[in-house]
Amino acid sequence: MYENYRRYHRYSVSAKALITRHDANSPKRLSTQVTTISQGGLGFYADILFEKATPVSVELLISDRDMEILEGRIASICSEGNNYFVGIAFNRDIPYEQFVEIFG
């Protein structure tokens, strides 16, 4: 049977973000729409392929707030037609109080 293996509940969101890849190639930035987020990571759609385990910085662009910058790595990539659904695992979990302050 299916078991929920996630440590934190995942929430649907609509937030803009800038994703910066820090890999062997020169850093590349991608403007995207975040579709899911939890205290441990987030998911977004991209039209470029990322490599699993690539270190990234995520700049969440949330109106009426200072920009939130989170560090993480690519945890999953799922091909969906000409696009990819990409999962990022944060290097450290967002504390619950901070998570509620940002997204509550």
PDB file of N, CA and C in Angstrom:
ATOM      1  N   MET A   1       0.826  -1.187   0.000  1.00  0.00           N
ATOM      2  CA  MET A   1       0.000   0.000   0.000  1.00  0.00           C
ATOM      3  C   MET A   1       0.874   1.257   0.000  1.00  0.00           C
ATOM      4  N   TYR A   2       0.253   2.337  -0.409  1.00  0.00           N
ATOM      5  CA  TYR A   2       0.947   3.622  -0.448  1.00  0.00           C
ATOM      6  C   TYR A   2       1.102   4.187   0.959  1.00  0.00           C
ATOM      7  N   GLU A   3       2.300   4.613   1.304  1.00  0.00           N
ATOM      8  CA  GLU A   3       2.546   5.271   2.576  1.00  0.00           C
ATOM      9  C   GLU A   3       3.080   6.662   2.304  1.00  0.00           C
ATOM     10  N   ASN A   4       2.674   7.623   3.129  1.00  0.00           N
ATOM     11  CA  ASN A   4       3.181   8.980   2.985  1.00  0.00           C
ATOM     12  C   ASN A   4       4.581   9.032   3.597  1.00  0.00           C
ATOM     13  N   TYR A   5       5.575   9.218   2.770  1.00  0.00           N
ATOM     14  CA  TYR A   5       6.955   9.218   3.234  1.00  0.00           C
ATOM     15  C   TYR A   5       7.474  10.624   3.522  1.00  0.00           C
ATOM     16  N   ARG A   6       6.652  11.628   3.364  1.00  0.00           N
ATOM     17  CA  ARG A   6       7.080  13.001   3.596  1.00  0.00           C
ATOM     18  C   ARG A   6       7.024  13.339   5.079  1.00  0.00           C
ATOM     19  N   ARG A   7       8.006  14.095   5.513  1.00  0.00           N
ATOM     20  CA  ARG A   7       8.069  14.514   6.909  1.00  0.00           C
ATOM     21  C   ARG A   7       7.103  15.652   7.197  1.00  0.00           C
ATOM     22  N   TYR A   8       6.875  16.522   6.185  1.00  0.00           N
ATOM     23  CA  TYR A   8       6.015  17.695   6.366  1.00  0.00           C
ATOM     24  C   TYR A   8       4.894  17.699   5.337  1.00  0.00           C
ATOM     25  N   HIS A   9       3.770  18.290   5.728  1.00  0.00           N
ATOM     26  CA  HIS A   9       2.642  18.435   4.812  1.00  0.00           C
ATOM     27  C   HIS A   9       3.033  19.378   3.678  1.00  0.00           C
ATOM     28  N   ARG A  10       2.639  19.039   2.477  1.00  0.00           N
ATOM     29  CA  ARG A  10       2.912  19.867   1.301  1.00  0.00           C
ATOM     30  C   ARG A  10       1.677  20.715   1.006  1.00  0.00           C
ATOM     31  N   TYR A  11       1.893  22.021   0.783  1.00  0.00           N
ATOM     32  CA  TYR A  11       0.803  22.957   0.519  1.00  0.00           C
ATOM     33  C   TYR A  11       0.876  23.453  -0.918  1.00  0.00           C
ATOM     34  N   SER A  12      -0.277  23.616  -1.535  1.00  0.00           N
ATOM     35  CA  SER A  12      -0.341  24.233  -2.860  1.00  0.00           C
ATOM     36  C   SER A  12      -0.197  25.735  -2.686  1.00  0.00           C
ATOM     37  N   VAL A  13       0.657  26.343  -3.499  1.00  0.00           N
ATOM     38  CA  VAL A  13       0.865  27.787  -3.442  1.00  0.00           C
ATOM     39  C   VAL A  13       0.980  28.321  -4.864  1.00  0.00           C
ATOM     40  N   SER A  14       0.936  29.612  -4.963  1.00  0.00           N
ATOM     41  CA  SER A  14       1.216  30.287  -6.222  1.00  0.00           C
ATOM     42  C   SER A  14       2.144  31.435  -5.878  1.00  0.00           C
ATOM     43  N   ALA A  15       3.441  31.173  -5.969  1.00  0.00           N
ATOM     44  CA  ALA A  15       4.447  32.170  -5.620  1.00  0.00           C
ATOM     45  C   ALA A  15       5.531  32.186  -6.693  1.00  0.00           C
ATOM     46  N   LYS A  16       6.002  33.356  -7.010  1.00  0.00           N
ATOM     47  CA  LYS A  16       7.098  33.472  -7.969  1.00  0.00           C
ATOM     48  C   LYS A  16       8.426  33.248  -7.249  1.00  0.00           C
ATOM     49  N   ALA A  17       9.386  32.712  -8.009  1.00  0.00           N
ATOM     50  CA  ALA A  17      10.702  32.461  -7.439  1.00  0.00           C
ATOM     51  C   ALA A  17      11.765  32.571  -8.516  1.00  0.00           C
ATOM     52  N   LEU A  18      12.969  32.907  -8.085  1.00  0.00           N
ATOM     53  CA  LEU A  18      14.148  32.842  -8.940  1.00  0.00           C
ATOM     54  C   LEU A  18      14.998  31.691  -8.425  1.00  0.00           C
ATOM     55  N   ILE A  19      15.277  30.741  -9.298  1.00  0.00           N
ATOM     56  CA  ILE A  19      16.092  29.582  -8.947  1.00  0.00           C
ATOM     57  C   ILE A  19      17.458  29.778  -9.589  1.00  0.00           C
ATOM     58  N   THR A  20      18.515  29.711  -8.779  1.00  0.00           N
ATOM     59  CA  THR A  20      19.877  29.829  -9.288  1.00  0.00           C
ATOM     60  C   THR A  20      20.576  28.490  -9.115  1.00  0.00           C
ATOM     61  N   ARG A  21      21.059  27.927 -10.232  1.00  0.00           N
ATOM     62  CA  ARG A  21      21.805  26.675 -10.199  1.00  0.00           C
ATOM     63  C   ARG A  21      23.260  26.977  -9.894  1.00  0.00           C
ATOM     64  N   HIS A  22      23.847  26.197  -8.989  1.00  0.00           N
ATOM     65  CA  HIS A  22      25.268  26.319  -8.653  1.00  0.00           C
ATOM     66  C   HIS A  22      25.930  24.992  -8.993  1.00  0.00           C
ATOM     67  N   ASP A  23      26.257  24.810 -10.272  1.00  0.00           N
ATOM     68  CA  ASP A  23      26.875  23.560 -10.679  1.00  0.00           C
ATOM     69  C   ASP A  23      28.180  23.857 -11.405  1.00  0.00           C
ATOM     70  N   ALA A  24      28.745  22.837 -12.019  1.00  0.00           N
ATOM     71  CA  ALA A  24      30.032  22.983 -12.698  1.00  0.00           C
ATOM     72  C   ALA A  24      29.965  24.031 -13.803  1.00  0.00           C
ATOM     73  N   ASN A  25      28.800  24.156 -14.431  1.00  0.00           N
ATOM     74  CA  ASN A  25      28.629  25.195 -15.449  1.00  0.00           C
ATOM     75  C   ASN A  25      28.483  26.533 -14.742  1.00  0.00           C
ATOM     76  N   SER A  26      28.472  27.602 -15.497  1.00  0.00           N
ATOM     77  CA  SER A  26      28.272  28.907 -14.878  1.00  0.00           C
ATOM     78  C   SER A  26      26.876  28.944 -14.262  1.00  0.00           C
ATOM     79  N   PRO A  27      26.728  29.655 -13.122  1.00  0.00           N
ATOM     80  CA  PRO A  27      25.406  29.718 -12.498  1.00  0.00           C
ATOM     81  C   PRO A  27      24.360  30.233 -13.479  1.00  0.00           C
ATOM     82  N   LYS A  28      23.196  29.623 -13.446  1.00  0.00           N
ATOM     83  CA  LYS A  28      22.106  30.017 -14.326  1.00  0.00           C
ATOM     84  C   LYS A  28      20.894  30.310 -13.479  1.00  0.00           C
ATOM     85  N   ARG A  29      20.144  31.355 -13.851  1.00  0.00           N
ATOM     86  CA  ARG A  29      18.939  31.737 -13.114  1.00  0.00           C
ATOM     87  C   ARG A  29      17.714  31.443 -13.951  1.00  0.00           C
ATOM     88  N   LEU A  30      16.677  31.011 -13.264  1.00  0.00           N
ATOM     89  CA  LEU A  30      15.410  30.697 -13.898  1.00  0.00           C
ATOM     90  C   LEU A  30      14.303  31.347 -13.088  1.00  0.00           C
ATOM     91  N   SER A  31      13.469  32.116 -13.742  1.00  0.00           N
ATOM     92  CA  SER A  31      12.282  32.671 -13.106  1.00  0.00           C
ATOM     93  C   SER A  31      11.163  31.658 -13.278  1.00  0.00           C
ATOM     94  N   THR A  32      10.471  31.315 -12.196  1.00  0.00           N
ATOM     95  CA  THR A  32       9.461  30.262 -12.258  1.00  0.00           C
ATOM     96  C   THR A  32       8.334  30.510 -11.284  1.00  0.00           C
ATOM     97  N   GLN A  33       7.335  29.652 -11.353  1.00  0.00           N
ATOM     98  CA  GLN A  33       6.180  29.677 -10.461  1.00  0.00           C
ATOM     99  C   GLN A  33       6.256  28.460  -9.558  1.00  0.00           C
ATOM    100  N   VAL A  34       6.324  28.676  -8.250  1.00  0.00           N
ATOM    101  CA  VAL A  34       6.315  27.588  -7.285  1.00  0.00           C
ATOM    102  C   VAL A  34       4.879  27.110  -7.141  1.00  0.00           C
ATOM    103  N   THR A  35       4.680  25.788  -7.176  1.00  0.00           N
ATOM    104  CA  THR A  35       3.321  25.249  -7.082  1.00  0.00           C
ATOM    105  C   THR A  35       3.050  24.525  -5.770  1.00  0.00           C
ATOM    106  N   THR A  36       4.112  23.997  -5.132  1.00  0.00           N
ATOM    107  CA  THR A  36       3.945  23.332  -3.840  1.00  0.00           C
ATOM    108  C   THR A  36       5.112  23.703  -2.936  1.00  0.00           C
ATOM    109  N   ILE A  37       4.841  23.727  -1.628  1.00  0.00           N
ATOM    110  CA  ILE A  37       5.909  24.024  -0.673  1.00  0.00           C
ATOM    111  C   ILE A  37       5.612  23.346   0.654  1.00  0.00           C
ATOM    112  N   SER A  38       6.684  23.018   1.369  1.00  0.00           N
ATOM    113  CA  SER A  38       6.584  22.487   2.724  1.00  0.00           C
ATOM    114  C   SER A  38       7.753  23.058   3.512  1.00  0.00           C
ATOM    115  N   GLN A  39       7.853  22.675   4.764  1.00  0.00           N
ATOM    116  CA  GLN A  39       8.974  23.140   5.573  1.00  0.00           C
ATOM    117  C   GLN A  39      10.294  22.546   5.094  1.00  0.00           C
ATOM    118  N   GLY A  40      10.236  21.485   4.299  1.00  0.00           N
ATOM    119  CA  GLY A  40      11.449  20.804   3.862  1.00  0.00           C
ATOM    120  C   GLY A  40      11.817  20.970   2.407  1.00  0.00           C
ATOM    121  N   GLY A  41      10.935  21.601   1.604  1.00  0.00           N
ATOM    122  CA  GLY A  41      11.258  21.754   0.191  1.00  0.00           C
ATOM    123  C   GLY A  41      10.116  22.366  -0.590  1.00  0.00           C
ATOM    124  N   LEU A  42      10.285  22.400  -1.919  1.00  0.00           N
ATOM    125  CA  LEU A  42       9.249  22.964  -2.783  1.00  0.00           C
ATOM    126  C   LEU A  42       9.276  22.306  -4.140  1.00  0.00           C
ATOM    127  N   GLY A  43       8.230  22.554  -4.923  1.00  0.00           N
ATOM    128  CA  GLY A  43       8.136  22.014  -6.269  1.00  0.00           C
ATOM    129  C   GLY A  43       7.765  23.109  -7.247  1.00  0.00           C
ATOM    130  N   PHE A  44       8.290  23.001  -8.465  1.00  0.00           N
ATOM    131  CA  PHE A  44       8.010  23.986  -9.508  1.00  0.00           C
ATOM    132  C   PHE A  44       8.144  23.331 -10.871  1.00  0.00           C
ATOM    133  N   TYR A  45       7.594  23.984 -11.886  1.00  0.00           N
ATOM    134  CA  TYR A  45       7.717  23.515 -13.259  1.00  0.00           C
ATOM    135  C   TYR A  45       8.807  24.295 -13.975  1.00  0.00           C
ATOM    136  N   ALA A  46       9.546  23.608 -14.843  1.00  0.00           N
ATOM    137  CA  ALA A  46      10.617  24.245 -15.611  1.00  0.00           C
ATOM    138  C   ALA A  46      10.614  23.683 -17.025  1.00  0.00           C
ATOM    139  N   ASP A  47      11.105  24.485 -17.950  1.00  0.00           N
ATOM    140  CA  ASP A  47      11.233  24.004 -19.328  1.00  0.00           C
ATOM    141  C   ASP A  47      12.675  23.635 -19.647  1.00  0.00           C
ATOM    142  N   ILE A  48      13.521  23.625 -18.615  1.00  0.00           N
ATOM    143  CA  ILE A  48      14.910  23.175 -18.777  1.00  0.00           C
ATOM    144  C   ILE A  48      15.150  22.000 -17.837  1.00  0.00           C
ATOM    145  N   LEU A  49      16.079  21.156 -18.213  1.00  0.00           N
ATOM    146  CA  LEU A  49      16.388  19.973 -17.421  1.00  0.00           C
ATOM    147  C   LEU A  49      17.419  20.305 -16.356  1.00  0.00           C
ATOM    148  N   PHE A  50      17.128  19.943 -15.141  1.00  0.00           N
ATOM    149  CA  PHE A  50      18.069  20.060 -14.029  1.00  0.00           C
ATOM    150  C   PHE A  50      18.643  18.685 -13.759  1.00  0.00           C
ATOM    151  N   GLU A  51      19.831  18.637 -13.162  1.00  0.00           N
ATOM    152  CA  GLU A  51      20.409  17.357 -12.756  1.00  0.00           C
ATOM    153  C   GLU A  51      20.160  17.148 -11.277  1.00  0.00           C
ATOM    154  N   LYS A  52      19.817  15.922 -10.920  1.00  0.00           N
ATOM    155  CA  LYS A  52      19.576  15.594  -9.527  1.00  0.00           C
ATOM    156  C   LYS A  52      20.824  15.913  -8.694  1.00  0.00           C
ATOM    157  N   ALA A  53      20.616  16.417  -7.491  1.00  0.00           N
ATOM    158  CA  ALA A  53      21.648  16.777  -6.511  1.00  0.00           C
ATOM    159  C   ALA A  53      22.339  18.103  -6.806  1.00  0.00           C
ATOM    160  N   THR A  54      21.952  18.803  -7.875  1.00  0.00           N
ATOM    161  CA  THR A  54      22.544  20.111  -8.171  1.00  0.00           C
ATOM    162  C   THR A  54      22.201  21.083  -7.054  1.00  0.00           C
ATOM    163  N   PRO A  55      23.202  21.782  -6.494  1.00  0.00           N
ATOM    164  CA  PRO A  55      22.896  22.788  -5.479  1.00  0.00           C
ATOM    165  C   PRO A  55      22.211  24.007  -6.107  1.00  0.00           C
ATOM    166  N   VAL A  56      21.230  24.550  -5.390  1.00  0.00           N
ATOM    167  CA  VAL A  56      20.468  25.692  -5.886  1.00  0.00           C
ATOM    168  C   VAL A  56      20.201  26.685  -4.763  1.00  0.00           C
ATOM    169  N   SER A  57      19.950  27.932  -5.160  1.00  0.00           N
ATOM    170  CA  SER A  57      19.423  28.959  -4.267  1.00  0.00           C
ATOM    171  C   SER A  57      18.036  29.298  -4.764  1.00  0.00           C
ATOM    172  N   VAL A  58      17.112  29.490  -3.854  1.00  0.00           N
ATOM    173  CA  VAL A  58      15.739  29.831  -4.200  1.00  0.00           C
ATOM    174  C   VAL A  58      15.419  31.187  -3.584  1.00  0.00           C
ATOM    175  N   GLU A  59      15.068  32.140  -4.426  1.00  0.00           N
ATOM    176  CA  GLU A  59      14.636  33.453  -3.948  1.00  0.00           C
ATOM    177  C   GLU A  59      13.130  33.525  -4.124  1.00  0.00           C
ATOM    178  N   LEU A  60      12.396  33.403  -3.029  1.00  0.00           N
ATOM    179  CA  LEU A  60      10.938  33.485  -3.084  1.00  0.00           C
ATOM    180  C   LEU A  60      10.519  34.943  -3.166  1.00  0.00           C
ATOM    181  N   LEU A  61       9.736  35.270  -4.169  1.00  0.00           N
ATOM    182  CA  LEU A  61       9.280  36.641  -4.385  1.00  0.00           C
ATOM    183  C   LEU A  61       7.824  36.728  -3.948  1.00  0.00           C
ATOM    184  N   ILE A  62       7.631  37.113  -2.711  1.00  0.00           N
ATOM    185  CA  ILE A  62       6.290  37.178  -2.139  1.00  0.00           C
ATOM    186  C   ILE A  62       5.950  38.646  -1.933  1.00  0.00           C
ATOM    187  N   SER A  63       4.823  39.088  -2.521  1.00  0.00           N
ATOM    188  CA  SER A  63       4.450  40.490  -2.419  1.00  0.00           C
ATOM    189  C   SER A  63       4.307  40.903  -0.962  1.00  0.00           C
ATOM    190  N   ASP A  64       4.588  42.143  -0.693  1.00  0.00           N
ATOM    191  CA  ASP A  64       4.530  42.808   0.617  1.00  0.00           C
ATOM    192  C   ASP A  64       5.471  42.185   1.653  1.00  0.00           C
ATOM    193  N   ARG A  65       6.482  41.450   1.219  1.00  0.00           N
ATOM    194  CA  ARG A  65       7.469  40.860   2.137  1.00  0.00           C
ATOM    195  C   ARG A  65       8.864  41.033   1.552  1.00  0.00           C
ATOM    196  N   ASP A  66       9.843  40.992   2.432  1.00  0.00           N
ATOM    197  CA  ASP A  66      11.214  40.938   1.956  1.00  0.00           C
ATOM    198  C   ASP A  66      11.414  39.593   1.281  1.00  0.00           C
ATOM    199  N   MET A  67      12.319  39.548   0.342  1.00  0.00           N
ATOM    200  CA  MET A  67      12.591  38.317  -0.385  1.00  0.00           C
ATOM    201  C   MET A  67      13.176  37.272   0.565  1.00  0.00           C
ATOM    202  N   GLU A  68      12.668  36.061   0.486  1.00  0.00           N
ATOM    203  CA  GLU A  68      13.192  34.949   1.274  1.00  0.00           C
ATOM    204  C   GLU A  68      14.154  34.157   0.393  1.00  0.00           C
ATOM    205  N   ILE A  69      15.368  33.893   0.897  1.00  0.00           N
ATOM    206  CA  ILE A  69      16.351  33.117   0.135  1.00  0.00           C
ATOM    207  C   ILE A  69      16.619  31.816   0.881  1.00  0.00           C
ATOM    208  N   LEU A  70      16.439  30.707   0.169  1.00  0.00           N
ATOM    209  CA  LEU A  70      16.616  29.383   0.739  1.00  0.00           C
ATOM    210  C   LEU A  70      17.628  28.609  -0.094  1.00  0.00           C
ATOM    211  N   GLU A  71      18.469  27.849   0.570  1.00  0.00           N
ATOM    212  CA  GLU A  71      19.464  27.021  -0.113  1.00  0.00           C
ATOM    213  C   GLU A  71      18.983  25.576  -0.117  1.00  0.00           C
ATOM    214  N   GLY A  72      19.284  24.858  -1.198  1.00  0.00           N
ATOM    215  CA  GLY A  72      18.878  23.462  -1.274  1.00  0.00           C
ATOM    216  C   GLY A  72      19.555  22.732  -2.409  1.00  0.00           C
ATOM    217  N   ARG A  73      18.962  21.622  -2.800  1.00  0.00           N
ATOM    218  CA  ARG A  73      19.490  20.813  -3.897  1.00  0.00           C
ATOM    219  C   ARG A  73      18.315  20.197  -4.645  1.00  0.00           C
ATOM    220  N   ILE A  74      18.539  19.857  -5.900  1.00  0.00           N
ATOM    221  CA  ILE A  74      17.509  19.203  -6.701  1.00  0.00           C
ATOM    222  C   ILE A  74      17.330  17.782  -6.159  1.00  0.00           C
ATOM    223  N   ALA A  75      16.112  17.458  -5.747  1.00  0.00           N
ATOM    224  CA  ALA A  75      15.830  16.148  -5.163  1.00  0.00           C
ATOM    225  C   ALA A  75      15.104  15.221  -6.130  1.00  0.00           C
ATOM    226  N   SER A  76      14.307  15.809  -7.045  1.00  0.00           N
ATOM    227  CA  SER A  76      13.564  14.962  -7.984  1.00  0.00           C
ATOM    228  C   SER A  76      13.253  15.726  -9.257  1.00  0.00           C
ATOM    229  N   ILE A  77      13.135  14.988 -10.346  1.00  0.00           N
ATOM    230  CA  ILE A  77      12.784  15.556 -11.652  1.00  0.00           C
ATOM    231  C   ILE A  77      11.807  14.582 -12.298  1.00  0.00           C
ATOM    232  N   CYS A  78      10.683  15.104 -12.755  1.00  0.00           N
ATOM    233  CA  CYS A  78       9.680  14.267 -13.415  1.00  0.00           C
ATOM    234  C   CYS A  78       9.325  14.922 -14.747  1.00  0.00           C
ATOM    235  N   SER A  79       9.546  14.217 -15.837  1.00  0.00           N
ATOM    236  CA  SER A  79       9.237  14.736 -17.158  1.00  0.00           C
ATOM    237  C   SER A  79       7.728  14.762 -17.367  1.00  0.00           C
ATOM    238  N   GLU A  80       7.229  15.904 -17.863  1.00  0.00           N
ATOM    239  CA  GLU A  80       5.805  16.051 -18.171  1.00  0.00           C
ATOM    240  C   GLU A  80       5.695  16.750 -19.515  1.00  0.00           C
ATOM    241  N   GLY A  81       5.712  15.964 -20.581  1.00  0.00           N
ATOM    242  CA  GLY A  81       5.685  16.531 -21.925  1.00  0.00           C
ATOM    243  C   GLY A  81       6.984  17.263 -22.211  1.00  0.00           C
ATOM    244  N   ASN A  82       6.882  18.540 -22.595  1.00  0.00           N
ATOM    245  CA  ASN A  82       8.071  19.361 -22.872  1.00  0.00           C
ATOM    246  C   ASN A  82       8.602  20.053 -21.630  1.00  0.00           C
ATOM    247  N   ASN A  83       7.974  19.813 -20.474  1.00  0.00           N
ATOM    248  CA  ASN A  83       8.378  20.454 -19.224  1.00  0.00           C
ATOM    249  C   ASN A  83       8.792  19.408 -18.205  1.00  0.00           C
ATOM    250  N   TYR A  84       9.264  19.899 -17.073  1.00  0.00           N
ATOM    251  CA  TYR A  84       9.692  19.039 -15.979  1.00  0.00           C
ATOM    252  C   TYR A  84       9.104  19.572 -14.681  1.00  0.00           C
ATOM    253  N   PHE A  85       8.661  18.656 -13.818  1.00  0.00           N
ATOM    254  CA  PHE A  85       8.295  19.059 -12.463  1.00  0.00           C
ATOM    255  C   PHE A  85       9.512  18.753 -11.614  1.00  0.00           C
ATOM    256  N   VAL A  86      10.030  19.790 -10.949  1.00  0.00           N
ATOM    257  CA  VAL A  86      11.288  19.688 -10.217  1.00  0.00           C
ATOM    258  C   VAL A  86      11.018  19.863  -8.729  1.00  0.00           C
ATOM    259  N   GLY A  87      11.591  18.971  -7.929  1.00  0.00           N
ATOM    260  CA  GLY A  87      11.489  19.068  -6.476  1.00  0.00           C
ATOM    261  C   GLY A  87      12.812  19.487  -5.886  1.00  0.00           C
ATOM    262  N   ILE A  88      12.756  20.439  -4.969  1.00  0.00           N
ATOM    263  CA  ILE A  88      13.953  20.905  -4.268  1.00  0.00           C
ATOM    264  C   ILE A  88      13.821  20.530  -2.800  1.00  0.00           C
ATOM    265  N   ALA A  89      14.880  19.967  -2.229  1.00  0.00           N
ATOM    266  CA  ALA A  89      14.958  19.712  -0.792  1.00  0.00           C
ATOM    267  C   ALA A  89      15.839  20.807  -0.196  1.00  0.00           C
ATOM    268  N   PHE A  90      15.313  21.517   0.803  1.00  0.00           N
ATOM    269  CA  PHE A  90      16.099  22.571   1.445  1.00  0.00           C
ATOM    270  C   PHE A  90      17.243  21.957   2.244  1.00  0.00           C
ATOM    271  N   ASN A  91      18.345  22.691   2.364  1.00  0.00           N
ATOM    272  CA  ASN A  91      19.482  22.227   3.161  1.00  0.00           C
ATOM    273  C   ASN A  91      19.119  22.123   4.633  1.00  0.00           C
ATOM    274  N   ARG A  92      18.227  22.996   5.072  1.00  0.00           N
ATOM    275  CA  ARG A  92      17.702  22.897   6.439  1.00  0.00           C
ATOM    276  C   ARG A  92      16.233  23.253   6.400  1.00  0.00           C
ATOM    277  N   ASP A  93      15.473  22.565   7.225  1.00  0.00           N
ATOM    278  CA  ASP A  93      14.031  22.776   7.253  1.00  0.00           C
ATOM    279  C   ASP A  93      13.704  24.192   7.721  1.00  0.00           C
ATOM    280  N   ILE A  94      12.602  24.724   7.224  1.00  0.00           N
ATOM    281  CA  ILE A  94      12.117  26.019   7.681  1.00  0.00           C
ATOM    282  C   ILE A  94      11.396  25.782   9.006  1.00  0.00           C
ATOM    283  N   PRO A  95      11.806  26.453  10.082  1.00  0.00           N
ATOM    284  CA  PRO A  95      11.083  26.284  11.353  1.00  0.00           C
ATOM    285  C   PRO A  95       9.601  26.641  11.179  1.00  0.00           C
ATOM    286  N   TYR A  96       8.740  25.929  11.895  1.00  0.00           N
ATOM    287  CA  TYR A  96       7.301  26.098  11.734  1.00  0.00           C
ATOM    288  C   TYR A  96       6.873  27.560  11.870  1.00  0.00           C
ATOM    289  N   GLU A  97       7.369  28.264  12.880  1.00  0.00           N
ATOM    290  CA  GLU A  97       6.972  29.659  13.098  1.00  0.00           C
ATOM    291  C   GLU A  97       7.337  30.526  11.906  1.00  0.00           C
ATOM    292  N   GLN A  98       8.521  30.334  11.339  1.00  0.00           N
ATOM    293  CA  GLN A  98       8.948  31.088  10.162  1.00  0.00           C
ATOM    294  C   GLN A  98       8.107  30.712   8.949  1.00  0.00           C
ATOM    295  N   PHE A  99       7.807  29.428   8.792  1.00  0.00           N
ATOM    296  CA  PHE A  99       6.992  28.960   7.678  1.00  0.00           C
ATOM    297  C   PHE A  99       5.618  29.638   7.713  1.00  0.00           C
ATOM    298  N   VAL A 100       4.984  29.661   8.887  1.00  0.00           N
ATOM    299  CA  VAL A 100       3.674  30.288   9.037  1.00  0.00           C
ATOM    300  C   VAL A 100       3.757  31.780   8.766  1.00  0.00           C
ATOM    301  N   GLU A 101       4.837  32.408   9.207  1.00  0.00           N
ATOM    302  CA  GLU A 101       5.018  33.850   8.981  1.00  0.00           C
ATOM    303  C   GLU A 101       5.136  34.148   7.473  1.00  0.00           C
ATOM    304  N   ILE A 102       5.839  33.300   6.753  1.00  0.00           N
ATOM    305  CA  ILE A 102       6.044  33.517   5.319  1.00  0.00           C
ATOM    306  C   ILE A 102       4.770  33.202   4.536  1.00  0.00           C
ATOM    307  N   PHE A 103       4.143  32.054   4.832  1.00  0.00           N
ATOM    308  CA  PHE A 103       3.059  31.561   3.982  1.00  0.00           C
ATOM    309  C   PHE A 103       1.681  31.563   4.649  1.00  0.00           C
ATOM    310  N   GLY A 104       1.626  31.930   5.914  1.00  0.00           N
ATOM    311  CA  GLY A 104       0.344  31.884   6.636  1.00  0.00           C
ATOM    312  C   GLY A 104      -0.620  32.981   6.310  1.00  0.00           C
TER     313      GLY A 104
END
